[in-house]
Protein backbone atom coordinates (compact mmCIF):
# COMPACT_ATOMS: atom_id res chain seq x y z
CA UNK A 1 17.24 -9.80 6.36
CA UNK A 2 13.74 -8.45 5.74
CA UNK A 3 11.75 -11.56 5.16
CA UNK A 4 8.23 -10.45 6.07
CA UNK A 5 7.73 -8.15 3.08
CA UNK A 6 9.35 -10.58 0.66
CA UNK A 7 7.10 -13.38 1.88
CA UNK A 8 3.93 -11.25 1.92
CA UNK A 9 4.15 -9.29 -1.32
CA UNK A 10 3.18 -11.26 -4.41
CA UNK A 11 4.14 -9.93 -7.85
CA UNK A 12 0.52 -10.09 -9.06
CA UNK A 13 -0.39 -7.57 -6.35
CA UNK A 14 1.83 -4.83 -7.83
CA UNK A 15 0.40 -2.41 -10.38
CA UNK A 16 0.93 0.98 -12.03
CA UNK A 17 -1.94 3.31 -12.93
CA UNK A 18 -1.94 6.70 -14.62
CA UNK A 19 -4.19 8.15 -11.94
CA UNK A 20 -7.65 8.16 -10.40
CA UNK A 21 -10.59 10.55 -10.56
CA UNK A 22 -10.86 10.66 -6.76
CA UNK A 23 -9.12 9.36 -3.67
CA UNK A 24 -11.99 6.91 -3.20
CA UNK A 25 -11.37 5.49 -6.67
CA UNK A 26 -7.66 5.23 -5.85
CA UNK A 27 -8.49 3.16 -2.77
CA UNK A 28 -10.65 0.79 -4.83
CA UNK A 29 -7.90 0.50 -7.47
CA UNK A 30 -5.27 -0.20 -4.78
CA UNK A 31 -7.46 -2.92 -3.23
CA UNK A 32 -8.40 -4.59 -6.53
CA UNK A 33 -5.41 -7.02 -6.71
CA UNK A 34 -6.14 -8.15 -3.15
CA UNK A 35 -9.83 -8.60 -3.98
CA UNK A 36 -9.13 -10.39 -7.27
CA UNK A 37 -6.67 -12.78 -5.62
CA UNK A 38 -8.89 -13.61 -2.63
CA UNK A 39 -6.94 -11.82 0.10
CA UNK A 40 -9.75 -9.39 0.99
CA UNK A 41 -13.49 -9.16 0.44
CA UNK A 42 -14.75 -6.33 -1.79
CA UNK A 43 -16.01 -4.55 1.33
CA UNK A 44 -12.39 -4.04 2.46
CA UNK A 45 -12.04 -1.00 0.15
CA UNK A 46 -15.31 0.34 1.53
CA UNK A 47 -13.92 -0.10 5.05
CA UNK A 48 -10.84 1.98 4.21
CA UNK A 49 -13.04 4.70 2.68
CA UNK A 50 -15.47 4.66 5.62
CA UNK A 51 -12.59 4.88 8.12
CA UNK A 52 -11.03 7.80 6.22
CA UNK A 53 -14.36 9.62 6.13
CA UNK A 54 -14.70 9.13 9.89
CA UNK A 55 -11.10 9.70 11.05
CA UNK A 56 -9.47 11.55 8.15
CA UNK A 57 -6.70 10.18 5.90
CA UNK A 58 -4.66 8.75 8.80
CA UNK A 59 -2.94 6.38 6.39
CA UNK A 60 -1.03 9.12 4.51
CA UNK A 61 2.35 8.60 6.15
CA UNK A 62 4.31 11.31 4.34
CA UNK A 63 4.31 13.01 0.93
CA UNK A 64 3.94 10.39 -1.82
CA UNK A 65 3.18 7.48 0.54
CA UNK A 66 -0.05 6.02 1.91
CA UNK A 67 -0.36 2.80 3.87
CA UNK A 68 -3.96 1.81 3.25
CA UNK A 69 -5.55 -0.60 5.71
CA UNK A 70 -8.79 -1.39 7.48
CA UNK A 71 -9.62 -3.50 10.49
CA UNK A 72 -9.52 -7.28 10.04
CA UNK A 73 -13.30 -7.56 10.48
CA UNK A 74 -13.81 -5.13 7.60
CA UNK A 75 -12.98 -7.84 5.07
CA UNK A 76 -9.41 -9.09 5.49
CA UNK A 77 -9.35 -12.78 4.55
CA UNK A 78 -5.57 -13.45 4.44
CA UNK A 79 -2.56 -11.36 5.42
CA UNK A 80 -1.08 -9.79 2.31
CA UNK A 81 0.34 -6.60 0.75
CA UNK A 82 -0.26 -4.82 -2.53
CA UNK A 83 1.60 -1.90 -4.05
CA UNK A 84 -0.02 0.56 -6.44
CA UNK A 85 1.92 3.36 -8.12
CA UNK A 86 -0.08 6.31 -9.45
CA UNK A 87 1.67 8.40 -12.10
CA UNK A 88 -0.56 11.36 -11.18
CA UNK A 89 -0.67 12.01 -7.42
CA UNK A 90 -3.82 11.32 -5.45
CA UNK A 91 -4.94 13.92 -2.90
CA UNK A 92 -6.72 12.53 0.14
CA UNK A 93 -7.47 16.09 1.29
CA UNK A 94 -7.44 19.26 -0.81
CA UNK A 95 -4.37 20.77 0.88
CA UNK A 96 -2.35 17.64 0.13
CA UNK A 97 0.18 16.13 0.22
CA UNK A 98 -0.07 14.22 -3.03
CA UNK A 99 0.42 10.44 -2.92
CA UNK A 100 1.91 8.31 -5.69
CA UNK A 101 2.73 5.10 -3.80
CA UNK A 102 -0.18 3.29 -2.17
CA UNK A 103 0.76 0.25 -0.11
CA UNK A 104 -2.31 -1.73 0.92
CA UNK A 105 -2.04 -4.02 3.91
CA UNK A 106 -4.56 -6.71 4.73
CA UNK A 107 -4.12 -8.29 8.15
CA UNK A 108 -6.38 -10.92 9.67
CA UNK A 109 -5.49 -10.09 13.28
CA UNK A 110 -3.80 -7.43 15.37
CA UNK A 111 -0.31 -9.01 15.41
CA UNK A 112 0.50 -10.99 12.25
CA UNK A 113 1.55 -7.88 10.31
CA UNK A 114 3.78 -6.22 12.93
CA UNK A 115 7.05 -7.45 11.41
CA UNK A 116 5.97 -6.13 8.00
CA UNK A 117 5.10 -2.78 9.57
CA UNK A 118 8.58 -2.58 11.11
CA UNK A 119 10.22 -3.38 7.77
CA UNK A 120 8.06 -0.81 5.95
CA UNK A 121 8.95 1.86 8.53
CA UNK A 122 12.68 1.28 8.07
CA UNK A 123 12.39 1.00 4.30
CA UNK A 124 10.36 4.18 3.86
CA UNK A 125 12.40 6.24 6.32
CA UNK A 126 14.53 7.01 3.25
CA UNK A 127 12.65 9.39 0.89
CA UNK A 128 14.80 8.15 -2.01
CA UNK A 129 13.14 4.74 -1.68
CA UNK A 130 9.69 6.26 -2.14
CA UNK A 131 10.85 8.27 -5.16
CA UNK A 132 12.48 5.21 -6.77
CA UNK A 133 9.29 3.17 -6.43
CA UNK A 134 7.07 6.07 -7.55
CA UNK A 135 9.10 6.53 -10.74
CA UNK A 136 9.70 2.87 -11.65
CA UNK A 137 8.92 2.21 -15.29
CA UNK A 138 7.16 -1.15 -14.94
CA UNK A 139 5.28 -3.14 -12.31
CA UNK A 140 8.09 -5.73 -12.40
CA UNK A 141 10.57 -2.97 -11.56
CA UNK A 142 8.31 -1.77 -8.70
CA UNK A 143 8.17 -5.30 -7.32
CA UNK A 144 11.91 -5.93 -7.66
CA UNK A 145 12.82 -2.56 -6.12
CA UNK A 146 10.31 -2.99 -3.30
CA UNK A 147 11.64 -6.40 -2.31
CA UNK A 148 15.31 -5.36 -2.74
CA UNK A 149 14.83 -2.15 -0.71
CA UNK A 150 13.00 -4.10 2.01
CA UNK A 151 15.91 -6.53 2.21
CA UNK A 152 18.43 -3.66 2.41
CA UNK A 153 16.37 -2.02 5.16
CA UNK A 154 16.40 -5.27 7.12
CA UNK A 155 20.19 -5.68 7.10
């Protein structure tokens, strides 16, 4: 059973937005629940943006999915996840792909999040899972689907 995601994702860290004016704004929006709830410092979003400017959008895993993260020393205070759904896709580079599901991971060290990463990889290996989360009607539905799909992936 996939316990890491269920224990790390808090309902208050799940949100739905219509869209963002830029990919940088989308990163700030995706980090806001973690900032507001004390899991990361405000500079964490800046770290993700700085890293993307230096290395490219390495966190875009596949169409519709980005796994946003920065190094622990860039402002991670506690290990935690957030999920942001954008109704209008965000483009991290002009040629795409568009992203509607932004999963933000804060990890305080190099190892504490590895189990969550494994669960996310299994969960998101099914494109239907991404589509279901991207089209959920409410943040409660996103949260419930995310946790349920993580548990199914862990079976």
